N, C-alpha and C. Protein backbone atom coordinates (compact mmCIF):
# COMPACT_ATOMS: atom_id res chain seq x y z
N MET A 1 18.63 46.38 50.43
CA MET A 1 19.01 47.88 50.79
C MET A 1 17.79 48.67 51.11
N SER A 2 16.63 48.40 50.43
CA SER A 2 15.39 49.20 50.75
C SER A 2 14.90 48.86 52.15
N VAL A 3 15.12 47.61 52.60
CA VAL A 3 14.68 47.27 53.95
C VAL A 3 15.60 47.97 54.95
N VAL A 4 16.88 47.99 54.65
CA VAL A 4 17.81 48.62 55.56
C VAL A 4 17.48 50.13 55.70
N GLN A 5 17.16 50.74 54.53
CA GLN A 5 16.78 52.16 54.64
C GLN A 5 15.46 52.40 55.36
N ALA A 6 14.50 51.47 55.17
CA ALA A 6 13.25 51.63 55.70
C ALA A 6 13.30 51.56 57.28
N PHE A 7 14.30 50.79 57.82
CA PHE A 7 14.55 50.74 59.23
C PHE A 7 15.62 51.72 59.79
N ALA A 8 16.06 52.61 58.85
CA ALA A 8 17.11 53.55 59.23
C ALA A 8 18.27 52.84 59.84
N ALA A 9 18.68 51.78 59.29
CA ALA A 9 19.80 50.88 59.89
C ALA A 9 21.10 51.06 59.05
N GLU A 10 21.21 52.15 58.32
CA GLU A 10 22.41 52.29 57.47
C GLU A 10 23.70 52.29 58.33
N ARG A 11 23.69 53.07 59.39
CA ARG A 11 24.91 53.18 60.18
C ARG A 11 25.28 51.79 60.86
N ASN A 12 24.30 51.08 61.39
CA ASN A 12 24.60 49.79 62.02
C ASN A 12 25.11 48.78 60.93
N GLU A 13 24.49 48.75 59.82
CA GLU A 13 24.90 47.79 58.78
C GLU A 13 26.23 48.09 58.26
N PHE A 14 26.54 49.41 58.16
CA PHE A 14 27.92 49.83 57.71
C PHE A 14 29.02 49.50 58.65
N ASN A 15 28.69 49.61 59.96
CA ASN A 15 29.63 49.15 61.04
C ASN A 15 29.84 47.69 61.05
N LYS A 16 28.82 46.99 60.78
CA LYS A 16 29.00 45.55 60.60
C LYS A 16 29.82 45.16 59.43
N PHE A 17 29.65 45.84 58.33
CA PHE A 17 30.47 45.63 57.12
C PHE A 17 32.01 45.93 57.40
N LYS A 18 32.17 47.09 58.17
CA LYS A 18 33.52 47.41 58.48
C LYS A 18 34.18 46.39 59.30
N ALA A 19 33.52 45.76 60.26
CA ALA A 19 34.05 44.76 61.08
C ALA A 19 34.37 43.45 60.34
N ILE A 20 33.53 43.08 59.42
CA ILE A 20 33.75 41.90 58.57
C ILE A 20 34.94 42.18 57.60
N ASN A 21 34.93 43.38 57.05
CA ASN A 21 35.99 43.83 56.03
C ASN A 21 37.35 43.86 56.76
N LYS A 22 37.36 44.27 58.08
CA LYS A 22 38.65 44.24 58.79
C LYS A 22 39.17 42.89 58.99
N GLN A 23 38.25 41.90 59.31
CA GLN A 23 38.71 40.53 59.52
C GLN A 23 39.28 40.07 58.21
N HIS A 24 38.58 40.32 57.04
CA HIS A 24 39.04 39.87 55.79
C HIS A 24 40.42 40.45 55.40
N ARG A 25 40.63 41.71 55.79
CA ARG A 25 41.93 42.37 55.47
C ARG A 25 43.01 41.65 56.37
N ASN A 26 42.75 41.47 57.56
CA ASN A 26 43.79 40.87 58.48
C ASN A 26 44.07 39.45 57.99
N ALA A 27 43.12 38.72 57.52
CA ALA A 27 43.41 37.35 57.06
C ALA A 27 44.26 37.36 55.80
N ASN A 28 44.01 38.37 54.94
CA ASN A 28 44.93 38.43 53.73
C ASN A 28 46.30 38.93 54.08
N ILE A 29 46.44 39.78 55.07
CA ILE A 29 47.78 40.22 55.56
C ILE A 29 48.57 39.01 56.13
N ASN A 30 47.86 38.17 56.89
CA ASN A 30 48.57 37.00 57.45
C ASN A 30 48.93 36.01 56.39
N ALA A 31 48.05 35.83 55.37
CA ALA A 31 48.43 34.89 54.25
C ALA A 31 49.59 35.40 53.41
N ILE A 32 49.64 36.75 53.19
CA ILE A 32 50.77 37.24 52.47
C ILE A 32 52.01 37.19 53.28
N PHE A 33 51.91 37.37 54.56
CA PHE A 33 53.10 37.23 55.41
C PHE A 33 53.63 35.83 55.40
N ALA A 34 52.76 34.82 55.44
CA ALA A 34 53.22 33.44 55.46
C ALA A 34 53.88 33.18 54.06
N TYR A 35 53.31 33.68 53.01
CA TYR A 35 53.90 33.48 51.69
C TYR A 35 55.26 34.17 51.54
N SER A 36 55.39 35.38 52.16
CA SER A 36 56.63 36.12 52.04
C SER A 36 57.75 35.42 52.92
N VAL A 37 57.33 34.64 53.82
CA VAL A 37 58.36 33.86 54.61
C VAL A 37 58.73 32.51 53.99
N PHE A 38 57.72 31.81 53.53
CA PHE A 38 57.92 30.53 53.01
C PHE A 38 58.73 30.49 51.64
N PHE A 39 58.35 31.37 50.75
CA PHE A 39 58.98 31.34 49.45
C PHE A 39 60.44 31.77 49.50
N PRO A 40 60.91 32.77 50.23
CA PRO A 40 62.27 33.03 50.31
C PRO A 40 63.09 31.90 51.01
N VAL A 41 62.52 31.23 51.96
CA VAL A 41 63.19 30.12 52.68
C VAL A 41 63.55 29.06 51.65
N ILE A 42 62.62 28.68 50.76
CA ILE A 42 62.86 27.66 49.67
C ILE A 42 64.00 28.11 48.85
N GLU A 43 64.01 29.37 48.39
CA GLU A 43 65.10 29.84 47.55
C GLU A 43 66.41 29.94 48.18
N ILE A 44 66.43 30.24 49.47
CA ILE A 44 67.72 30.28 50.19
C ILE A 44 68.27 28.90 50.36
N VAL A 45 67.42 27.94 50.64
CA VAL A 45 67.86 26.54 50.79
C VAL A 45 68.41 26.01 49.48
N LEU A 46 67.76 26.35 48.38
CA LEU A 46 68.21 25.85 47.08
C LEU A 46 69.54 26.58 46.80
N ALA A 47 69.75 27.87 47.02
CA ALA A 47 70.98 28.56 46.74
C ALA A 47 72.03 27.98 47.56
N LEU A 48 71.81 27.75 48.83
CA LEU A 48 72.88 27.15 49.72
C LEU A 48 73.24 25.79 49.23
N SER A 49 72.30 24.99 48.74
CA SER A 49 72.57 23.62 48.27
C SER A 49 73.57 23.65 47.07
N ILE A 50 73.22 24.55 46.02
CA ILE A 50 74.00 24.71 44.96
C ILE A 50 75.36 25.28 45.32
N GLY A 51 75.36 26.24 46.25
CA GLY A 51 76.58 26.84 46.62
C GLY A 51 77.59 25.74 47.27
N LEU A 52 77.02 24.87 48.08
CA LEU A 52 77.79 23.93 48.67
C LEU A 52 78.42 22.89 47.63
N ILE A 53 77.54 22.59 46.62
CA ILE A 53 78.02 21.75 45.57
C ILE A 53 79.26 22.42 44.77
N VAL A 54 79.00 23.67 44.47
CA VAL A 54 80.14 24.40 43.74
C VAL A 54 81.29 24.48 44.63
N TRP A 55 81.17 24.77 45.91
CA TRP A 55 82.35 24.85 46.79
C TRP A 55 83.07 23.50 46.80
N PHE A 56 82.25 22.36 47.01
CA PHE A 56 82.90 21.09 47.05
C PHE A 56 83.59 20.77 45.77
N THR A 57 83.01 21.13 44.57
CA THR A 57 83.62 20.90 43.34
C THR A 57 84.84 21.73 43.16
N ALA A 58 84.82 22.91 43.56
CA ALA A 58 86.07 23.77 43.45
C ALA A 58 87.24 23.29 44.28
N ARG A 59 86.83 22.84 45.42
CA ARG A 59 87.92 22.28 46.34
C ARG A 59 88.56 21.03 45.84
N GLU A 60 87.71 20.19 45.17
CA GLU A 60 88.18 18.88 44.66
C GLU A 60 88.55 18.95 43.18
N ALA A 61 88.63 20.24 42.64
CA ALA A 61 88.79 20.39 41.12
C ALA A 61 89.98 19.68 40.70
N LEU A 62 91.04 19.80 41.37
CA LEU A 62 92.34 19.26 40.97
C LEU A 62 92.25 17.73 40.84
N GLY A 63 91.44 17.13 41.64
CA GLY A 63 91.42 15.69 41.66
C GLY A 63 90.30 15.07 40.72
N LEU A 64 89.50 15.89 40.09
CA LEU A 64 88.35 15.43 39.37
C LEU A 64 88.80 14.91 38.01
N GLN A 65 88.21 13.85 37.53
CA GLN A 65 88.32 13.33 36.24
C GLN A 65 87.34 14.01 35.29
N GLN A 66 87.53 13.92 34.00
CA GLN A 66 86.64 14.55 33.04
C GLN A 66 85.26 13.95 33.16
N SER A 67 85.10 12.65 33.39
CA SER A 67 83.69 12.10 33.50
C SER A 67 82.97 12.54 34.72
N GLN A 68 83.70 12.89 35.82
CA GLN A 68 83.09 13.23 37.04
C GLN A 68 82.43 14.68 36.97
N GLN A 69 83.00 15.54 36.22
CA GLN A 69 82.43 16.85 36.03
C GLN A 69 81.06 16.85 35.57
N GLY A 70 80.78 15.97 34.66
CA GLY A 70 79.39 15.83 34.10
C GLY A 70 78.43 15.32 35.25
N VAL A 71 78.94 14.53 36.14
CA VAL A 71 78.06 14.05 37.18
C VAL A 71 77.79 15.20 38.06
N VAL A 72 78.67 16.06 38.42
CA VAL A 72 78.36 17.21 39.16
C VAL A 72 77.30 18.17 38.64
N VAL A 73 77.48 18.38 37.24
CA VAL A 73 76.48 19.21 36.59
C VAL A 73 75.12 18.58 36.63
N ALA A 74 75.05 17.24 36.35
CA ALA A 74 73.82 16.53 36.45
C ALA A 74 73.16 16.60 37.79
N PHE A 75 73.99 16.55 38.83
CA PHE A 75 73.46 16.58 40.20
C PHE A 75 72.81 17.94 40.43
N ILE A 76 73.48 19.00 39.94
CA ILE A 76 72.95 20.39 40.14
C ILE A 76 71.55 20.52 39.44
N LEU A 77 71.48 19.92 38.18
CA LEU A 77 70.24 19.98 37.48
C LEU A 77 69.16 19.11 38.18
N CYS A 78 69.50 17.98 38.74
CA CYS A 78 68.52 17.23 39.49
C CYS A 78 68.05 17.93 40.80
N LEU A 79 69.01 18.69 41.35
CA LEU A 79 68.68 19.49 42.51
C LEU A 79 67.68 20.57 42.20
N ASN A 80 67.79 21.13 41.14
CA ASN A 80 66.75 22.17 40.58
C ASN A 80 65.49 21.53 40.37
N LEU A 81 65.44 20.32 39.78
CA LEU A 81 64.17 19.62 39.56
C LEU A 81 63.48 19.20 40.85
N LEU A 82 64.39 18.85 41.91
CA LEU A 82 63.81 18.56 43.15
C LEU A 82 63.10 19.72 43.83
N PHE A 83 63.71 20.91 43.79
CA PHE A 83 63.16 22.08 44.36
C PHE A 83 62.00 22.72 43.55
N ARG A 84 61.81 22.41 42.23
CA ARG A 84 60.79 23.03 41.53
C ARG A 84 59.40 22.73 42.06
N PRO A 85 59.07 21.56 42.50
CA PRO A 85 57.70 21.40 43.18
C PRO A 85 57.56 22.28 44.45
N LEU A 86 58.69 22.44 45.20
CA LEU A 86 58.58 23.23 46.41
C LEU A 86 58.33 24.67 46.06
N ARG A 87 58.90 25.16 44.89
CA ARG A 87 58.63 26.51 44.40
C ARG A 87 57.20 26.61 44.14
N MET A 88 56.64 25.64 43.43
CA MET A 88 55.23 25.67 43.04
C MET A 88 54.32 25.71 44.24
N ILE A 89 54.66 24.92 45.29
CA ILE A 89 53.92 24.98 46.49
C ILE A 89 53.92 26.26 47.15
N ALA A 90 55.11 26.95 47.14
CA ALA A 90 55.18 28.25 47.76
C ALA A 90 54.45 29.30 46.99
N ASP A 91 54.45 29.15 45.64
CA ASP A 91 53.77 30.08 44.77
C ASP A 91 52.25 29.95 44.97
N LYS A 92 51.79 28.74 45.17
CA LYS A 92 50.36 28.38 45.33
C LYS A 92 49.89 28.41 46.77
N PHE A 93 50.68 28.82 47.68
CA PHE A 93 50.38 28.78 49.15
C PHE A 93 49.07 29.51 49.41
N ASN A 94 48.90 30.69 48.89
CA ASN A 94 47.64 31.44 49.12
C ASN A 94 46.42 30.77 48.61
N VAL A 95 46.59 30.14 47.32
CA VAL A 95 45.46 29.42 46.75
C VAL A 95 45.06 28.18 47.61
N VAL A 96 46.10 27.52 48.17
CA VAL A 96 45.90 26.32 48.98
C VAL A 96 45.15 26.75 50.21
N GLN A 97 45.53 27.82 50.83
CA GLN A 97 44.89 28.29 52.10
C GLN A 97 43.50 28.67 51.82
N MET A 98 43.22 29.38 50.76
CA MET A 98 41.79 29.83 50.44
C MET A 98 40.94 28.65 50.11
N GLY A 99 41.59 27.57 49.46
CA GLY A 99 40.86 26.37 49.12
C GLY A 99 40.47 25.60 50.33
N LEU A 100 41.39 25.52 51.38
CA LEU A 100 41.10 24.91 52.64
C LEU A 100 39.99 25.62 53.41
N ILE A 101 40.02 26.89 53.42
CA ILE A 101 38.95 27.62 54.07
C ILE A 101 37.62 27.43 53.42
N ALA A 102 37.62 27.57 52.05
CA ALA A 102 36.40 27.40 51.35
C ALA A 102 35.80 25.97 51.53
N SER A 103 36.66 24.96 51.49
CA SER A 103 36.18 23.60 51.70
C SER A 103 35.64 23.42 53.05
N ASP A 104 36.21 24.07 54.08
CA ASP A 104 35.70 23.95 55.44
C ASP A 104 34.30 24.52 55.53
N ARG A 105 34.12 25.64 54.81
CA ARG A 105 32.79 26.24 54.81
C ARG A 105 31.76 25.37 54.18
N VAL A 106 32.23 24.71 53.00
CA VAL A 106 31.26 23.83 52.26
C VAL A 106 30.93 22.67 53.17
N PHE A 107 31.85 22.01 53.73
CA PHE A 107 31.51 20.86 54.54
C PHE A 107 30.70 21.20 55.81
N THR A 108 30.96 22.46 56.29
CA THR A 108 30.15 22.91 57.45
C THR A 108 28.64 23.00 57.06
N VAL A 109 28.38 23.50 55.84
CA VAL A 109 27.04 23.63 55.28
C VAL A 109 26.50 22.23 55.08
N LEU A 110 27.23 21.37 54.43
CA LEU A 110 26.76 19.95 54.18
C LEU A 110 26.49 19.20 55.47
N ASP A 111 27.22 19.37 56.50
CA ASP A 111 27.13 18.58 57.72
C ASP A 111 26.05 19.23 58.60
N ASN A 112 25.57 20.45 58.30
CA ASN A 112 24.60 21.06 59.11
C ASN A 112 23.21 20.51 58.98
N ASP A 113 22.57 20.09 60.02
CA ASP A 113 21.28 19.50 59.97
C ASP A 113 20.17 20.61 60.52
N ASP A 114 19.75 21.40 59.65
CA ASP A 114 18.85 22.52 59.97
C ASP A 114 17.47 22.01 60.35
N GLU A 115 17.06 20.99 59.61
CA GLU A 115 15.67 20.50 59.81
C GLU A 115 15.71 19.26 60.77
N GLU A 116 14.87 19.32 61.82
CA GLU A 116 14.76 18.29 62.74
C GLU A 116 14.16 16.99 62.16
N LYS A 117 14.81 15.87 62.46
CA LYS A 117 14.24 14.66 61.93
C LYS A 117 12.90 14.32 62.50
N VAL A 118 11.88 14.14 61.64
CA VAL A 118 10.49 13.90 62.05
C VAL A 118 10.21 12.55 61.45
N PRO A 119 9.42 11.66 62.25
CA PRO A 119 9.07 10.46 61.76
C PRO A 119 8.12 10.51 60.61
N GLU A 120 8.29 9.69 59.59
CA GLU A 120 7.43 9.70 58.43
C GLU A 120 6.06 8.96 58.72
N GLY A 121 5.00 9.72 58.52
CA GLY A 121 3.68 9.12 58.62
C GLY A 121 3.24 8.56 57.33
N GLY A 122 2.34 7.51 57.33
CA GLY A 122 1.89 6.92 56.14
C GLY A 122 0.50 7.04 55.83
N TYR A 123 -0.24 7.86 56.61
CA TYR A 123 -1.67 7.99 56.48
C TYR A 123 -1.96 9.27 55.56
N LEU A 124 -2.87 9.09 54.62
CA LEU A 124 -3.33 10.22 53.76
C LEU A 124 -4.84 10.46 53.94
N LEU A 125 -5.23 11.72 54.10
CA LEU A 125 -6.64 12.04 54.26
C LEU A 125 -7.46 11.57 53.03
N PRO A 126 -8.72 11.28 53.23
CA PRO A 126 -9.49 10.78 52.12
C PRO A 126 -9.59 11.80 51.00
N GLU A 127 -9.73 13.11 51.32
CA GLU A 127 -9.73 14.10 50.35
C GLU A 127 -8.35 14.39 49.83
N SER A 128 -8.28 14.85 48.59
CA SER A 128 -6.99 15.18 47.94
C SER A 128 -6.28 16.35 48.67
N ARG A 129 -7.05 17.31 49.21
CA ARG A 129 -6.55 18.41 49.95
C ARG A 129 -7.21 18.49 51.29
N VAL A 130 -6.54 19.03 52.28
CA VAL A 130 -7.11 19.12 53.65
C VAL A 130 -8.12 20.28 53.65
N LYS A 131 -9.12 20.07 54.54
CA LYS A 131 -10.27 21.08 54.67
C LYS A 131 -9.75 22.35 55.42
N GLY A 132 -8.86 22.09 56.43
CA GLY A 132 -8.34 23.19 57.14
C GLY A 132 -8.74 23.32 58.68
N GLN A 133 -9.32 22.21 59.17
CA GLN A 133 -9.66 22.22 60.58
C GLN A 133 -8.44 21.89 61.39
N ILE A 134 -7.98 22.83 62.21
CA ILE A 134 -6.75 22.77 62.97
C ILE A 134 -7.07 22.75 64.49
N ASP A 135 -6.57 21.83 65.19
CA ASP A 135 -6.85 21.76 66.64
C ASP A 135 -5.56 21.55 67.43
N PHE A 136 -5.24 22.54 68.33
CA PHE A 136 -4.14 22.37 69.28
C PHE A 136 -4.63 21.87 70.56
N LYS A 137 -4.21 20.72 71.07
CA LYS A 137 -4.70 20.17 72.31
C LYS A 137 -3.65 20.02 73.31
N ASP A 138 -3.60 20.98 74.37
CA ASP A 138 -2.56 20.84 75.38
C ASP A 138 -1.13 20.84 74.77
N VAL A 139 -0.79 21.61 73.82
CA VAL A 139 0.48 21.54 73.13
C VAL A 139 1.47 22.26 73.93
N SER A 140 2.67 21.53 74.25
CA SER A 140 3.81 22.21 74.89
C SER A 140 5.00 21.91 74.08
N PHE A 141 5.85 22.94 73.85
CA PHE A 141 6.99 22.74 73.06
C PHE A 141 8.19 23.66 73.56
N ALA A 142 9.39 23.11 73.49
CA ALA A 142 10.59 23.80 73.94
C ALA A 142 11.67 23.43 72.94
N TYR A 143 12.46 24.48 72.60
CA TYR A 143 13.58 24.24 71.68
C TYR A 143 14.76 23.61 72.43
N VAL A 144 14.90 24.01 73.73
CA VAL A 144 15.99 23.63 74.53
C VAL A 144 15.40 23.09 75.91
N ASP A 145 15.65 21.78 76.23
CA ASP A 145 15.18 21.14 77.36
C ASP A 145 13.77 21.49 77.81
N GLU A 146 13.54 22.09 78.89
CA GLU A 146 12.22 22.38 79.33
C GLU A 146 11.98 23.89 79.44
N GLN A 147 12.70 24.65 78.63
CA GLN A 147 12.50 26.08 78.49
C GLN A 147 11.34 26.31 77.50
N TRP A 148 10.13 26.24 78.06
CA TRP A 148 8.97 26.18 77.20
C TRP A 148 8.70 27.47 76.41
N VAL A 149 8.49 27.33 75.15
CA VAL A 149 8.05 28.49 74.29
C VAL A 149 6.48 28.45 74.24
N LEU A 150 5.99 27.24 74.10
CA LEU A 150 4.58 27.11 74.17
C LEU A 150 4.26 26.18 75.37
N LYS A 151 3.25 26.44 76.12
CA LYS A 151 2.94 25.57 77.35
C LYS A 151 1.41 25.43 77.46
N ALA A 152 0.95 24.17 77.21
CA ALA A 152 -0.40 23.88 77.39
C ALA A 152 -1.35 24.77 76.51
N VAL A 153 -1.00 24.86 75.20
CA VAL A 153 -1.77 25.79 74.32
C VAL A 153 -2.94 25.00 73.74
N ASN A 154 -4.12 25.63 73.80
CA ASN A 154 -5.34 24.99 73.24
C ASN A 154 -6.04 25.96 72.35
N PHE A 155 -6.39 25.68 71.20
CA PHE A 155 -7.29 26.44 70.29
C PHE A 155 -7.70 25.54 69.16
N ASP A 156 -8.75 25.99 68.49
CA ASP A 156 -9.27 25.32 67.28
C ASP A 156 -9.66 26.25 66.22
N ILE A 157 -9.32 25.99 64.98
CA ILE A 157 -9.58 26.89 63.84
C ILE A 157 -10.52 26.11 62.86
N LYS A 158 -11.51 26.76 62.51
CA LYS A 158 -12.53 26.12 61.56
C LYS A 158 -12.10 26.30 60.13
N PRO A 159 -12.48 25.40 59.27
CA PRO A 159 -12.11 25.56 57.84
C PRO A 159 -12.64 26.94 57.34
N GLY A 160 -11.88 27.66 56.63
CA GLY A 160 -12.22 28.98 56.08
C GLY A 160 -12.20 30.11 57.07
N GLN A 161 -11.88 29.84 58.36
CA GLN A 161 -11.83 30.82 59.30
C GLN A 161 -10.50 31.62 59.32
N THR A 162 -10.57 32.89 59.50
CA THR A 162 -9.31 33.70 59.48
C THR A 162 -9.06 34.13 60.97
N ILE A 163 -7.94 33.95 61.47
CA ILE A 163 -7.56 34.32 62.83
C ILE A 163 -6.18 35.07 62.76
N ALA A 164 -5.96 35.87 63.84
CA ALA A 164 -4.69 36.59 63.93
C ALA A 164 -4.03 36.20 65.24
N ILE A 165 -2.81 35.87 65.21
CA ILE A 165 -2.05 35.54 66.44
C ILE A 165 -1.06 36.70 66.71
N VAL A 166 -1.28 37.42 67.82
CA VAL A 166 -0.57 38.64 68.05
C VAL A 166 0.23 38.36 69.36
N GLY A 167 1.49 38.86 69.34
CA GLY A 167 2.31 38.79 70.49
C GLY A 167 3.67 39.39 70.28
N HIS A 168 4.46 39.48 71.37
CA HIS A 168 5.84 40.08 71.33
C HIS A 168 6.70 39.15 70.47
N THR A 169 7.83 39.70 70.08
CA THR A 169 8.88 38.93 69.42
C THR A 169 9.35 37.84 70.34
N GLY A 170 9.36 36.63 69.80
CA GLY A 170 9.81 35.42 70.68
C GLY A 170 8.79 34.84 71.44
N SER A 171 7.43 35.31 71.35
CA SER A 171 6.33 34.76 72.08
C SER A 171 5.82 33.37 71.51
N GLY A 172 6.29 33.00 70.27
CA GLY A 172 5.88 31.75 69.82
C GLY A 172 4.91 31.71 68.60
N LYS A 173 4.83 32.83 67.93
CA LYS A 173 3.94 32.94 66.78
C LYS A 173 4.46 32.10 65.58
N THR A 174 5.79 32.29 65.23
CA THR A 174 6.35 31.52 64.23
C THR A 174 6.55 29.96 64.60
N THR A 175 6.74 29.81 65.90
CA THR A 175 6.80 28.42 66.35
C THR A 175 5.55 27.66 66.06
N ILE A 176 4.43 28.24 66.21
CA ILE A 176 3.12 27.64 66.01
C ILE A 176 3.05 27.11 64.52
N ILE A 177 3.47 28.02 63.63
CA ILE A 177 3.48 27.66 62.18
C ILE A 177 4.49 26.58 61.90
N SER A 178 5.64 26.64 62.53
CA SER A 178 6.66 25.57 62.32
C SER A 178 6.19 24.25 62.86
N LEU A 179 5.44 24.19 63.92
CA LEU A 179 4.90 22.98 64.50
C LEU A 179 3.83 22.37 63.58
N ILE A 180 2.94 23.28 62.97
CA ILE A 180 1.91 22.74 62.07
C ILE A 180 2.60 22.14 60.79
N ASN A 181 3.76 22.74 60.40
CA ASN A 181 4.47 22.16 59.25
C ASN A 181 5.41 20.94 59.70
N ARG A 182 5.42 20.63 60.90
CA ARG A 182 6.23 19.53 61.39
C ARG A 182 7.72 19.74 61.17
N PHE A 183 8.13 21.03 61.34
CA PHE A 183 9.55 21.27 61.34
C PHE A 183 10.24 20.80 62.64
N TYR A 184 9.39 20.72 63.72
CA TYR A 184 9.88 20.27 64.98
C TYR A 184 8.87 19.33 65.58
N ASN A 185 9.25 18.47 66.45
CA ASN A 185 8.36 17.53 67.18
C ASN A 185 7.96 18.14 68.47
N ILE A 186 6.68 18.11 68.82
CA ILE A 186 6.22 18.71 70.05
C ILE A 186 6.53 17.62 71.20
N GLN A 187 6.72 18.17 72.42
CA GLN A 187 7.03 17.33 73.61
C GLN A 187 5.75 16.76 74.23
N LYS A 188 4.66 17.66 74.27
CA LYS A 188 3.42 17.29 74.85
C LYS A 188 2.24 17.71 74.03
N GLY A 189 1.18 16.99 74.13
CA GLY A 189 -0.04 17.30 73.48
C GLY A 189 -0.13 16.81 72.03
N THR A 190 -1.16 17.22 71.32
CA THR A 190 -1.31 16.76 69.99
C THR A 190 -1.74 17.91 69.11
N ILE A 191 -1.45 17.89 67.83
CA ILE A 191 -1.94 18.80 66.86
C ILE A 191 -2.64 18.03 65.79
N GLU A 192 -3.89 18.41 65.50
CA GLU A 192 -4.70 17.60 64.58
C GLU A 192 -5.17 18.59 63.43
N ILE A 193 -5.15 17.96 62.23
CA ILE A 193 -5.65 18.66 61.01
C ILE A 193 -6.78 17.72 60.46
N ASP A 194 -7.95 18.33 60.45
CA ASP A 194 -9.16 17.55 59.99
C ASP A 194 -9.38 16.29 60.92
N GLY A 195 -9.10 16.49 62.14
CA GLY A 195 -9.30 15.33 63.07
C GLY A 195 -8.20 14.32 63.08
N MET A 196 -7.08 14.44 62.28
CA MET A 196 -6.05 13.50 62.22
C MET A 196 -4.80 14.10 62.85
N ASP A 197 -4.14 13.34 63.65
CA ASP A 197 -2.78 13.73 64.37
C ASP A 197 -1.84 13.92 63.24
N ILE A 198 -1.17 15.06 63.19
CA ILE A 198 -0.26 15.40 62.13
C ILE A 198 0.99 14.48 62.08
N LYS A 199 1.20 13.76 63.25
CA LYS A 199 2.32 12.79 63.27
C LYS A 199 2.08 11.62 62.31
N LYS A 200 0.81 11.40 62.08
CA LYS A 200 0.43 10.22 61.21
C LYS A 200 0.46 10.63 59.67
N LEU A 201 0.73 11.95 59.46
CA LEU A 201 0.71 12.37 58.02
C LEU A 201 2.09 12.55 57.59
N PRO A 202 2.43 12.11 56.30
CA PRO A 202 3.72 12.42 55.74
C PRO A 202 4.07 13.90 55.73
N PRO A 203 5.27 14.30 56.04
CA PRO A 203 5.66 15.77 56.10
C PRO A 203 5.41 16.42 54.73
N ASP A 204 5.86 15.78 53.65
CA ASP A 204 5.72 16.33 52.27
C ASP A 204 4.29 16.59 51.91
N TYR A 205 3.44 15.62 52.25
CA TYR A 205 1.98 15.71 51.99
C TYR A 205 1.39 16.86 52.78
N LEU A 206 1.81 16.98 54.01
CA LEU A 206 1.26 18.01 54.94
C LEU A 206 1.70 19.41 54.35
N ARG A 207 2.85 19.55 54.00
CA ARG A 207 3.39 20.86 53.65
C ARG A 207 2.86 21.31 52.20
N GLU A 208 2.52 20.39 51.37
CA GLU A 208 1.91 20.75 50.19
C GLU A 208 0.59 21.45 50.31
N ASN A 209 -0.07 21.28 51.47
CA ASN A 209 -1.32 21.89 51.73
C ASN A 209 -1.31 23.14 52.61
N ILE A 210 -0.11 23.62 52.86
CA ILE A 210 0.08 24.71 53.72
C ILE A 210 0.89 25.76 53.00
N GLY A 211 0.45 26.97 53.07
CA GLY A 211 1.18 28.13 52.45
C GLY A 211 1.53 29.17 53.48
N VAL A 212 2.75 29.50 53.59
CA VAL A 212 3.26 30.49 54.60
C VAL A 212 3.94 31.59 53.97
N LEU A 213 3.60 32.79 54.10
CA LEU A 213 4.28 34.01 53.59
C LEU A 213 4.74 34.83 54.72
N GLN A 214 6.07 34.92 54.91
CA GLN A 214 6.59 35.68 56.05
C GLN A 214 7.78 36.42 55.55
N ASP A 215 7.86 37.75 55.78
CA ASP A 215 8.96 38.57 55.38
C ASP A 215 9.32 39.49 56.60
N VAL A 216 10.21 38.91 57.42
CA VAL A 216 10.60 39.61 58.67
C VAL A 216 12.04 39.84 58.62
N PHE A 217 12.44 41.03 59.05
CA PHE A 217 13.90 41.39 59.17
C PHE A 217 14.09 41.93 60.59
N LEU A 218 15.13 41.36 61.27
CA LEU A 218 15.44 41.83 62.62
C LEU A 218 16.85 42.38 62.66
N PHE A 219 16.98 43.63 63.08
CA PHE A 219 18.28 44.24 63.11
C PHE A 219 18.74 44.39 64.53
N GLN A 220 20.00 43.96 64.69
CA GLN A 220 20.57 44.06 66.11
C GLN A 220 21.10 45.49 66.30
N ALA A 221 20.68 46.08 67.45
CA ALA A 221 21.22 47.40 67.67
C ALA A 221 22.63 47.31 68.20
N LEU A 222 23.47 48.15 67.71
CA LEU A 222 24.86 48.17 68.12
C LEU A 222 25.11 49.26 69.20
């Protein structure tokens, strides 16, 4: 909330909330409508079934024997037992629908592959921690096909040196950090740390020696 207020984005965030809340309301209305249709249909079918049995029994009452009356009563009881699970399904219809939606969201998250698969390197630097020499040599990278975010980038950073990378949003600042962490594979060029190509270093080992602090919020103007 403090970030929203700092960017004076209260109205935009409230409008986004109203839109999401409207979708939630409409979904609940549709679920209640389905329940209000399904449950009465089950009750009507059950009532009609019992009514037909009673009508048939009344019509044939004169010809029924004593033992057959008990069979009719037992049949009505069995009919009620048959429709009891259908009543329960109708009563739990909303719960079933919410469970299906929730499970779909869970499986969507589980099936989502946010991190690009990178080959595991097996080489470790002689020192326990890297010194910090970073070299970009003709590095080109694109998220989609050949829509280059970085193209033939060259620079070197000495150990202990502090540099600032400045540019517009989307110019590739965060992409450079992601490439150093091997979150993505570069299409061209090489990235070296302490003279070693990072493709030869295990990702876990590499990331243990890198610290990134980034707190960026982007608000879409409505």
